[in-house]
Amino acid sequence: LSCAASGRRFSSYGMGWFRQAPGKE
């Protein structure tokens, strides 16, 4: 999987992946 970020040039941030199955949190 890939996640491309855009729209904010001068910030630093950690990144995470989440998932959600039907009926689950």
mmCIF file of all heavy atoms, coordinates in Angstrom:
data_MODEL
# 
_entry.id   MODEL 
# 
loop_
_atom_site.group_PDB 
_atom_site.id 
_atom_site.type_symbol 
_atom_site.label_atom_id 
_atom_site.label_alt_id 
_atom_site.label_comp_id 
_atom_site.label_asym_id 
_atom_site.label_entity_id 
_atom_site.label_seq_id 
_atom_site.pdbx_PDB_ins_code 
_atom_site.Cartn_x 
_atom_site.Cartn_y 
_atom_site.Cartn_z 
_atom_site.occupancy 
_atom_site.B_iso_or_equiv 
_atom_site.pdbx_formal_charge 
_atom_site.auth_seq_id 
_atom_site.auth_comp_id 
_atom_site.auth_asym_id 
_atom_site.auth_atom_id 
_atom_site.pdbx_PDB_model_num 
ATOM 1   N N   . LEU A 1 1  ? 0.831   -1.184 0.000  1.00 0.00 ? 1  LEU A N   1 
ATOM 2   C CA  . LEU A 1 1  ? 0.000   0.000  0.000  1.00 0.00 ? 1  LEU A CA  1 
ATOM 3   C C   . LEU A 1 1  ? 0.875   1.246  0.000  1.00 0.00 ? 1  LEU A C   1 
ATOM 4   O O   . LEU A 1 1  ? 1.958   1.265  0.594  1.00 0.00 ? 1  LEU A O   1 
ATOM 5   C CB  . LEU A 1 1  ? -0.912  0.028  1.225  1.00 0.00 ? 1  LEU A CB  1 
ATOM 6   C CG  . LEU A 1 1  ? -1.786  -1.206 1.461  1.00 0.00 ? 1  LEU A CG  1 
ATOM 7   C CD1 . LEU A 1 1  ? -2.684  -0.976 2.668  1.00 0.00 ? 1  LEU A CD1 1 
ATOM 8   C CD2 . LEU A 1 1  ? -2.604  -1.543 0.225  1.00 0.00 ? 1  LEU A CD2 1 
ATOM 9   N N   . SER A 1 2  ? 0.388   2.285  -0.648 1.00 0.00 ? 2  SER A N   1 
ATOM 10  C CA  . SER A 1 2  ? 1.059   3.572  -0.663 1.00 0.00 ? 2  SER A CA  1 
ATOM 11  C C   . SER A 1 2  ? 0.099   4.643  -0.175 1.00 0.00 ? 2  SER A C   1 
ATOM 12  O O   . SER A 1 2  ? -1.114  4.549  -0.370 1.00 0.00 ? 2  SER A O   1 
ATOM 13  C CB  . SER A 1 2  ? 1.537   3.928  -2.070 1.00 0.00 ? 2  SER A CB  1 
ATOM 14  O OG  . SER A 1 2  ? 2.466   2.987  -2.554 1.00 0.00 ? 2  SER A OG  1 
ATOM 15  N N   . CYS A 1 3  ? 0.646   5.664  0.438  1.00 0.00 ? 3  CYS A N   1 
ATOM 16  C CA  . CYS A 1 3  ? -0.128  6.809  0.877  1.00 0.00 ? 3  CYS A CA  1 
ATOM 17  C C   . CYS A 1 3  ? 0.649   8.061  0.513  1.00 0.00 ? 3  CYS A C   1 
ATOM 18  O O   . CYS A 1 3  ? 1.731   8.305  1.061  1.00 0.00 ? 3  CYS A O   1 
ATOM 19  C CB  . CYS A 1 3  ? -0.388  6.754  2.380  1.00 0.00 ? 3  CYS A CB  1 
ATOM 20  S SG  . CYS A 1 3  ? -1.219  8.210  3.054  1.00 0.00 ? 3  CYS A SG  1 
ATOM 21  N N   . ALA A 1 4  ? 0.109   8.836  -0.399 1.00 0.00 ? 4  ALA A N   1 
ATOM 22  C CA  . ALA A 1 4  ? 0.748   10.060 -0.857 1.00 0.00 ? 4  ALA A CA  1 
ATOM 23  C C   . ALA A 1 4  ? 0.143   11.254 -0.138 1.00 0.00 ? 4  ALA A C   1 
ATOM 24  O O   . ALA A 1 4  ? -1.079  11.405 -0.097 1.00 0.00 ? 4  ALA A O   1 
ATOM 25  C CB  . ALA A 1 4  ? 0.592   10.209 -2.366 1.00 0.00 ? 4  ALA A CB  1 
ATOM 26  N N   . ALA A 1 5  ? 0.997   12.100 0.408  1.00 0.00 ? 5  ALA A N   1 
ATOM 27  C CA  . ALA A 1 5  ? 0.566   13.281 1.141  1.00 0.00 ? 5  ALA A CA  1 
ATOM 28  C C   . ALA A 1 5  ? 0.843   14.532 0.332  1.00 0.00 ? 5  ALA A C   1 
ATOM 29  O O   . ALA A 1 5  ? 1.865   14.635 -0.355 1.00 0.00 ? 5  ALA A O   1 
ATOM 30  C CB  . ALA A 1 5  ? 1.275   13.367 2.486  1.00 0.00 ? 5  ALA A CB  1 
ATOM 31  N N   . SER A 1 6  ? -0.055  15.486 0.431  1.00 0.00 ? 6  SER A N   1 
ATOM 32  C CA  . SER A 1 6  ? 0.119   16.760 -0.246 1.00 0.00 ? 6  SER A CA  1 
ATOM 33  C C   . SER A 1 6  ? -0.608  17.845 0.531  1.00 0.00 ? 6  SER A C   1 
ATOM 34  O O   . SER A 1 6  ? -1.398  17.561 1.430  1.00 0.00 ? 6  SER A O   1 
ATOM 35  C CB  . SER A 1 6  ? -0.403  16.699 -1.680 1.00 0.00 ? 6  SER A CB  1 
ATOM 36  O OG  . SER A 1 6  ? -1.798  16.445 -1.705 1.00 0.00 ? 6  SER A OG  1 
ATOM 37  N N   . GLY A 1 7  ? -0.319  19.103 0.180  1.00 0.00 ? 7  GLY A N   1 
ATOM 38  C CA  . GLY A 1 7  ? -1.069  20.223 0.714  1.00 0.00 ? 7  GLY A CA  1 
ATOM 39  C C   . GLY A 1 7  ? -0.461  20.937 1.908  1.00 0.00 ? 7  GLY A C   1 
ATOM 40  O O   . GLY A 1 7  ? -0.985  21.962 2.315  1.00 0.00 ? 7  GLY A O   1 
ATOM 41  N N   . ARG A 1 8  ? 0.609   20.392 2.473  1.00 0.00 ? 8  ARG A N   1 
ATOM 42  C CA  . ARG A 1 8  ? 1.283   21.047 3.581  1.00 0.00 ? 8  ARG A CA  1 
ATOM 43  C C   . ARG A 1 8  ? 2.777   20.864 3.416  1.00 0.00 ? 8  ARG A C   1 
ATOM 44  O O   . ARG A 1 8  ? 3.269   19.729 3.429  1.00 0.00 ? 8  ARG A O   1 
ATOM 45  C CB  . ARG A 1 8  ? 0.809   20.505 4.925  1.00 0.00 ? 8  ARG A CB  1 
ATOM 46  C CG  . ARG A 1 8  ? 1.331   21.290 6.108  1.00 0.00 ? 8  ARG A CG  1 
ATOM 47  C CD  . ARG A 1 8  ? 0.629   20.885 7.388  1.00 0.00 ? 8  ARG A CD  1 
ATOM 48  N NE  . ARG A 1 8  ? 1.077   21.668 8.522  1.00 0.00 ? 8  ARG A NE  1 
ATOM 49  C CZ  . ARG A 1 8  ? 0.551   21.599 9.731  1.00 0.00 ? 8  ARG A CZ  1 
ATOM 50  N NH1 . ARG A 1 8  ? -0.468  20.776 9.962  1.00 0.00 ? 8  ARG A NH1 1 
ATOM 51  N NH2 . ARG A 1 8  ? 1.026   22.351 10.709 1.00 0.00 ? 8  ARG A NH2 1 
ATOM 52  N N   . ARG A 1 9  ? 3.469   21.961 3.294  1.00 0.00 ? 9  ARG A N   1 
ATOM 53  C CA  . ARG A 1 9  ? 4.854   21.910 2.868  1.00 0.00 ? 9  ARG A CA  1 
ATOM 54  C C   . ARG A 1 9  ? 5.866   21.935 4.003  1.00 0.00 ? 9  ARG A C   1 
ATOM 55  O O   . ARG A 1 9  ? 6.931   21.321 3.886  1.00 0.00 ? 9  ARG A O   1 
ATOM 56  C CB  . ARG A 1 9  ? 5.118   23.081 1.917  1.00 0.00 ? 9  ARG A CB  1 
ATOM 57  C CG  . ARG A 1 9  ? 6.449   23.025 1.208  1.00 0.00 ? 9  ARG A CG  1 
ATOM 58  C CD  . ARG A 1 9  ? 6.510   24.067 0.114  1.00 0.00 ? 9  ARG A CD  1 
ATOM 59  N NE  . ARG A 1 9  ? 7.764   24.005 -0.629 1.00 0.00 ? 9  ARG A NE  1 
ATOM 60  C CZ  . ARG A 1 9  ? 8.030   24.714 -1.699 1.00 0.00 ? 9  ARG A CZ  1 
ATOM 61  N NH1 . ARG A 1 9  ? 7.125   25.565 -2.176 1.00 0.00 ? 9  ARG A NH1 1 
ATOM 62  N NH2 . ARG A 1 9  ? 9.204   24.595 -2.313 1.00 0.00 ? 9  ARG A NH2 1 
ATOM 63  N N   . PHE A 1 10 ? 5.561   22.606 5.098  1.00 0.00 ? 10 PHE A N   1 
ATOM 64  C CA  . PHE A 1 10 ? 6.578   22.880 6.107  1.00 0.00 ? 10 PHE A CA  1 
ATOM 65  C C   . PHE A 1 10 ? 6.260   22.268 7.463  1.00 0.00 ? 10 PHE A C   1 
ATOM 66  O O   . PHE A 1 10 ? 6.577   22.840 8.506  1.00 0.00 ? 10 PHE A O   1 
ATOM 67  C CB  . PHE A 1 10 ? 6.769   24.395 6.247  1.00 0.00 ? 10 PHE A CB  1 
ATOM 68  C CG  . PHE A 1 10 ? 7.254   25.043 4.996  1.00 0.00 ? 10 PHE A CG  1 
ATOM 69  C CD1 . PHE A 1 10 ? 6.411   25.885 4.271  1.00 0.00 ? 10 PHE A CD1 1 
ATOM 70  C CD2 . PHE A 1 10 ? 8.531   24.828 4.528  1.00 0.00 ? 10 PHE A CD2 1 
ATOM 71  C CE1 . PHE A 1 10 ? 6.844   26.497 3.109  1.00 0.00 ? 10 PHE A CE1 1 
ATOM 72  C CE2 . PHE A 1 10 ? 8.978   25.427 3.370  1.00 0.00 ? 10 PHE A CE2 1 
ATOM 73  C CZ  . PHE A 1 10 ? 8.134   26.265 2.655  1.00 0.00 ? 10 PHE A CZ  1 
ATOM 74  N N   . SER A 1 11 ? 5.682   21.118 7.464  1.00 0.00 ? 11 SER A N   1 
ATOM 75  C CA  . SER A 1 11 ? 5.415   20.408 8.703  1.00 0.00 ? 11 SER A CA  1 
ATOM 76  C C   . SER A 1 11 ? 6.127   19.059 8.704  1.00 0.00 ? 11 SER A C   1 
ATOM 77  O O   . SER A 1 11 ? 6.457   18.512 7.652  1.00 0.00 ? 11 SER A O   1 
ATOM 78  C CB  . SER A 1 11 ? 3.919   20.196 8.908  1.00 0.00 ? 11 SER A CB  1 
ATOM 79  O OG  . SER A 1 11 ? 3.388   19.353 7.901  1.00 0.00 ? 11 SER A OG  1 
ATOM 80  N N   . SER A 1 12 ? 6.356   18.535 9.891  1.00 0.00 ? 12 SER A N   1 
ATOM 81  C CA  . SER A 1 12 ? 6.832   17.172 10.068 1.00 0.00 ? 12 SER A CA  1 
ATOM 82  C C   . SER A 1 12 ? 5.765   16.399 10.828 1.00 0.00 ? 12 SER A C   1 
ATOM 83  O O   . SER A 1 12 ? 5.070   16.956 11.682 1.00 0.00 ? 12 SER A O   1 
ATOM 84  C CB  . SER A 1 12 ? 8.165   17.136 10.811 1.00 0.00 ? 12 SER A CB  1 
ATOM 85  O OG  . SER A 1 12 ? 8.048   17.714 12.095 1.00 0.00 ? 12 SER A OG  1 
ATOM 86  N N   . TYR A 1 13 ? 5.636   15.132 10.523 1.00 0.00 ? 13 TYR A N   1 
ATOM 87  C CA  . TYR A 1 13 ? 4.592   14.361 11.158 1.00 0.00 ? 13 TYR A CA  1 
ATOM 88  C C   . TYR A 1 13 ? 4.919   12.872 11.100 1.00 0.00 ? 13 TYR A C   1 
ATOM 89  O O   . TYR A 1 13 ? 5.532   12.398 10.146 1.00 0.00 ? 13 TYR A O   1 
ATOM 90  C CB  . TYR A 1 13 ? 3.225   14.622 10.514 1.00 0.00 ? 13 TYR A CB  1 
ATOM 91  C CG  . TYR A 1 13 ? 3.252   14.723 9.000  1.00 0.00 ? 13 TYR A CG  1 
ATOM 92  C CD1 . TYR A 1 13 ? 3.154   13.593 8.208  1.00 0.00 ? 13 TYR A CD1 1 
ATOM 93  C CD2 . TYR A 1 13 ? 3.365   15.962 8.375  1.00 0.00 ? 13 TYR A CD2 1 
ATOM 94  C CE1 . TYR A 1 13 ? 3.175   13.685 6.828  1.00 0.00 ? 13 TYR A CE1 1 
ATOM 95  C CE2 . TYR A 1 13 ? 3.388   16.065 7.001  1.00 0.00 ? 13 TYR A CE2 1 
ATOM 96  C CZ  . TYR A 1 13 ? 3.290   14.921 6.227  1.00 0.00 ? 13 TYR A CZ  1 
ATOM 97  O OH  . TYR A 1 13 ? 3.311   15.015 4.858  1.00 0.00 ? 13 TYR A OH  1 
ATOM 98  N N   . GLY A 1 14 ? 4.501   12.180 12.126 1.00 0.00 ? 14 GLY A N   1 
ATOM 99  C CA  . GLY A 1 14 ? 4.510   10.741 12.071 1.00 0.00 ? 14 GLY A CA  1 
ATOM 100 C C   . GLY A 1 14 ? 3.358   10.242 11.216 1.00 0.00 ? 14 GLY A C   1 
ATOM 101 O O   . GLY A 1 14 ? 2.366   10.944 10.999 1.00 0.00 ? 14 GLY A O   1 
ATOM 102 N N   . MET A 1 15 ? 3.496   9.033  10.738 1.00 0.00 ? 15 MET A N   1 
ATOM 103 C CA  . MET A 1 15 ? 2.471   8.442  9.885  1.00 0.00 ? 15 MET A CA  1 
ATOM 104 C C   . MET A 1 15 ? 2.062   7.092  10.440 1.00 0.00 ? 15 MET A C   1 
ATOM 105 O O   . MET A 1 15 ? 2.892   6.350  10.978 1.00 0.00 ? 15 MET A O   1 
ATOM 106 C CB  . MET A 1 15 ? 2.970   8.273  8.457  1.00 0.00 ? 15 MET A CB  1 
ATOM 107 C CG  . MET A 1 15 ? 3.293   9.577  7.744  1.00 0.00 ? 15 MET A CG  1 
ATOM 108 S SD  . MET A 1 15 ? 1.803   10.560 7.394  1.00 0.00 ? 15 MET A SD  1 
ATOM 109 C CE  . MET A 1 15 ? 0.936   9.456  6.274  1.00 0.00 ? 15 MET A CE  1 
ATOM 110 N N   . GLY A 1 16 ? 0.798   6.786  10.290 1.00 0.00 ? 16 GLY A N   1 
ATOM 111 C CA  . GLY A 1 16 ? 0.284   5.509  10.741 1.00 0.00 ? 16 GLY A CA  1 
ATOM 112 C C   . GLY A 1 16 ? -0.638  4.878  9.724  1.00 0.00 ? 16 GLY A C   1 
ATOM 113 O O   . GLY A 1 16 ? -1.163  5.545  8.830  1.00 0.00 ? 16 GLY A O   1 
ATOM 114 N N   . TRP A 1 17 ? -0.810  3.584  9.856  1.00 0.00 ? 17 TRP A N   1 
ATOM 115 C CA  . TRP A 1 17 ? -1.800  2.827  9.101  1.00 0.00 ? 17 TRP A CA  1 
ATOM 116 C C   . TRP A 1 17 ? -2.800  2.215  10.064 1.00 0.00 ? 17 TRP A C   1 
ATOM 117 O O   . TRP A 1 17 ? -2.417  1.652  11.098 1.00 0.00 ? 17 TRP A O   1 
ATOM 118 C CB  . TRP A 1 17 ? -1.150  1.712  8.276  1.00 0.00 ? 17 TRP A CB  1 
ATOM 119 C CG  . TRP A 1 17 ? -0.417  2.184  7.064  1.00 0.00 ? 17 TRP A CG  1 
ATOM 120 C CD1 . TRP A 1 17 ? 0.909   2.427  6.946  1.00 0.00 ? 17 TRP A CD1 1 
ATOM 121 C CD2 . TRP A 1 17 ? -0.988  2.445  5.775  1.00 0.00 ? 17 TRP A CD2 1 
ATOM 122 N NE1 . TRP A 1 17 ? 1.218   2.828  5.670  1.00 0.00 ? 17 TRP A NE1 1 
ATOM 123 C CE2 . TRP A 1 17 ? 0.064   2.854  4.928  1.00 0.00 ? 17 TRP A CE2 1 
ATOM 124 C CE3 . TRP A 1 17 ? -2.280  2.383  5.256  1.00 0.00 ? 17 TRP A CE3 1 
ATOM 125 C CZ2 . TRP A 1 17 ? -0.135  3.194  3.587  1.00 0.00 ? 17 TRP A CZ2 1 
ATOM 126 C CZ3 . TRP A 1 17 ? -2.484  2.721  3.928  1.00 0.00 ? 17 TRP A CZ3 1 
ATOM 127 C CH2 . TRP A 1 17 ? -1.415  3.120  3.113  1.00 0.00 ? 17 TRP A CH2 1 
ATOM 128 N N   . PHE A 1 18 ? -4.064  2.324  9.703  1.00 0.00 ? 18 PHE A N   1 
ATOM 129 C CA  . PHE A 1 18 ? -5.160  1.702  10.426 1.00 0.00 ? 18 PHE A CA  1 
ATOM 130 C C   . PHE A 1 18 ? -5.962  0.851  9.455  1.00 0.00 ? 18 PHE A C   1 
ATOM 131 O O   . PHE A 1 18 ? -5.840  0.987  8.239  1.00 0.00 ? 18 PHE A O   1 
ATOM 132 C CB  . PHE A 1 18 ? -6.066  2.754  11.057 1.00 0.00 ? 18 PHE A CB  1 
ATOM 133 C CG  . PHE A 1 18 ? -5.457  3.490  12.215 1.00 0.00 ? 18 PHE A CG  1 
ATOM 134 C CD1 . PHE A 1 18 ? -4.508  4.476  12.012 1.00 0.00 ? 18 PHE A CD1 1 
ATOM 135 C CD2 . PHE A 1 18 ? -5.840  3.208  13.517 1.00 0.00 ? 18 PHE A CD2 1 
ATOM 136 C CE1 . PHE A 1 18 ? -3.945  5.163  13.072 1.00 0.00 ? 18 PHE A CE1 1 
ATOM 137 C CE2 . PHE A 1 18 ? -5.297  3.886  14.590 1.00 0.00 ? 18 PHE A CE2 1 
ATOM 138 C CZ  . PHE A 1 18 ? -4.345  4.858  14.370 1.00 0.00 ? 18 PHE A CZ  1 
ATOM 139 N N   . ARG A 1 19 ? -6.803  -0.001 10.001 1.00 0.00 ? 19 ARG A N   1 
ATOM 140 C CA  . ARG A 1 19 ? -7.717  -0.762 9.160  1.00 0.00 ? 19 ARG A CA  1 
ATOM 141 C C   . ARG A 1 19 ? -9.041  -0.931 9.879  1.00 0.00 ? 19 ARG A C   1 
ATOM 142 O O   . ARG A 1 19 ? -9.113  -0.880 11.106 1.00 0.00 ? 19 ARG A O   1 
ATOM 143 C CB  . ARG A 1 19 ? -7.133  -2.124 8.789  1.00 0.00 ? 19 ARG A CB  1 
ATOM 144 C CG  . ARG A 1 19 ? -6.913  -3.065 9.966  1.00 0.00 ? 19 ARG A CG  1 
ATOM 145 C CD  . ARG A 1 19 ? -6.144  -4.291 9.515  1.00 0.00 ? 19 ARG A CD  1 
ATOM 146 N NE  . ARG A 1 19 ? -5.967  -5.258 10.585 1.00 0.00 ? 19 ARG A NE  1 
ATOM 147 C CZ  . ARG A 1 19 ? -5.239  -6.361 10.488 1.00 0.00 ? 19 ARG A CZ  1 
ATOM 148 N NH1 . ARG A 1 19 ? -4.610  -6.640 9.345  1.00 0.00 ? 19 ARG A NH1 1 
ATOM 149 N NH2 . ARG A 1 19 ? -5.136  -7.193 11.518 1.00 0.00 ? 19 ARG A NH2 1 
ATOM 150 N N   . GLN A 1 20 ? -10.082 -1.127 9.084  1.00 0.00 ? 20 GLN A N   1 
ATOM 151 C CA  . GLN A 1 20 ? -11.412 -1.293 9.637  1.00 0.00 ? 20 GLN A CA  1 
ATOM 152 C C   . GLN A 1 20 ? -12.184 -2.300 8.801  1.00 0.00 ? 20 GLN A C   1 
ATOM 153 O O   . GLN A 1 20 ? -12.382 -2.103 7.606  1.00 0.00 ? 20 GLN A O   1 
ATOM 154 C CB  . GLN A 1 20 ? -12.162 0.035  9.690  1.00 0.00 ? 20 GLN A CB  1 
ATOM 155 C CG  . GLN A 1 20 ? -13.473 -0.045 10.437 1.00 0.00 ? 20 GLN A CG  1 
ATOM 156 C CD  . GLN A 1 20 ? -14.025 1.324  10.774 1.00 0.00 ? 20 GLN A CD  1 
ATOM 157 O OE1 . GLN A 1 20 ? -13.640 2.330  10.182 1.00 0.00 ? 20 GLN A OE1 1 
ATOM 158 N NE2 . GLN A 1 20 ? -14.928 1.372  11.741 1.00 0.00 ? 20 GLN A NE2 1 
ATOM 159 N N   . ALA A 1 21 ? -12.602 -3.365 9.450  1.00 0.00 ? 21 ALA A N   1 
ATOM 160 C CA  . ALA A 1 21 ? -13.447 -4.375 8.822  1.00 0.00 ? 21 ALA A CA  1 
ATOM 161 C C   . ALA A 1 21 ? -14.906 -4.069 9.122  1.00 0.00 ? 21 ALA A C   1 
ATOM 162 O O   . ALA A 1 21 ? -15.215 -3.383 10.105 1.00 0.00 ? 21 ALA A O   1 
ATOM 163 C CB  . ALA A 1 21 ? -13.074 -5.762 9.338  1.00 0.00 ? 21 ALA A CB  1 
ATOM 164 N N   . PRO A 1 22 ? -15.836 -4.565 8.300  1.00 0.00 ? 22 PRO A N   1 
ATOM 165 C CA  . PRO A 1 22 ? -17.254 -4.300 8.545  1.00 0.00 ? 22 PRO A CA  1 
ATOM 166 C C   . PRO A 1 22 ? -17.679 -4.729 9.940  1.00 0.00 ? 22 PRO A C   1 
ATOM 167 O O   . PRO A 1 22 ? -17.375 -5.836 10.390 1.00 0.00 ? 22 PRO A O   1 
ATOM 168 C CB  . PRO A 1 22 ? -17.964 -5.129 7.467  1.00 0.00 ? 22 PRO A CB  1 
ATOM 169 C CG  . PRO A 1 22 ? -16.961 -5.241 6.368  1.00 0.00 ? 22 PRO A CG  1 
ATOM 170 C CD  . PRO A 1 22 ? -15.628 -5.337 7.060  1.00 0.00 ? 22 PRO A CD  1 
ATOM 171 N N   . GLY A 1 23 ? -18.365 -3.839 10.623 1.00 0.00 ? 23 GLY A N   1 
ATOM 172 C CA  . GLY A 1 23 ? -18.842 -4.129 11.960 1.00 0.00 ? 23 GLY A CA  1 
ATOM 173 C C   . GLY A 1 23 ? -17.800 -4.062 13.045 1.00 0.00 ? 23 GLY A C   1 
ATOM 174 O O   . GLY A 1 23 ? -18.114 -4.353 14.204 1.00 0.00 ? 23 GLY A O   1 
ATOM 175 N N   . LYS A 1 24 ? -16.580 -3.681 12.704 1.00 0.00 ? 24 LYS A N   1 
ATOM 176 C CA  . LYS A 1 24 ? -15.497 -3.612 13.675 1.00 0.00 ? 24 LYS A CA  1 
ATOM 177 C C   . LYS A 1 24 ? -15.022 -2.176 13.842 1.00 0.00 ? 24 LYS A C   1 
ATOM 178 O O   . LYS A 1 24 ? -15.208 -1.336 12.965 1.00 0.00 ? 24 LYS A O   1 
ATOM 179 C CB  . LYS A 1 24 ? -14.317 -4.487 13.233 1.00 0.00 ? 24 LYS A CB  1 
ATOM 180 C CG  . LYS A 1 24 ? -14.654 -5.944 13.012 1.00 0.00 ? 24 LYS A CG  1 
ATOM 181 C CD  . LYS A 1 24 ? -15.034 -6.630 14.306 1.00 0.00 ? 24 LYS A CD  1 
ATOM 182 C CE  . LYS A 1 24 ? -15.257 -8.117 14.079 1.00 0.00 ? 24 LYS A CE  1 
ATOM 183 N NZ  . LYS A 1 24 ? -15.629 -8.806 15.342 1.00 0.00 ? 24 LYS A NZ  1 
ATOM 184 N N   . GLU A 1 25 ? -14.407 -1.922 14.974 1.00 0.00 ? 25 GLU A N   1 
ATOM 185 C CA  . GLU A 1 25 ? -13.816 -0.615 15.203 1.00 0.00 ? 25 GLU A CA  1 
ATOM 186 C C   . GLU A 1 25 ? -12.519 -0.479 14.417 1.00 0.00 ? 25 GLU A C   1 
ATOM 187 O O   . GLU A 1 25 ? -11.886 -1.471 14.047 1.00 0.00 ? 25 GLU A O   1 
ATOM 188 C CB  . GLU A 1 25 ? -13.549 -0.401 16.692 1.00 0.00 ? 25 GLU A CB  1 
ATOM 189 C CG  . GLU A 1 25 ? -14.797 -0.264 17.532 1.00 0.00 ? 25 GLU A CG  1 
ATOM 190 C CD  . GLU A 1 25 ? -14.490 0.142  18.956 1.00 0.00 ? 25 GLU A CD  1 
ATOM 191 O OE1 . GLU A 1 25 ? -13.303 0.107  19.351 1.00 0.00 ? 25 GLU A OE1 1 
ATOM 192 O OE2 . GLU A 1 25 ? -15.430 0.501  19.673 1.00 0.00 ? 25 GLU A OE2 1 
# 
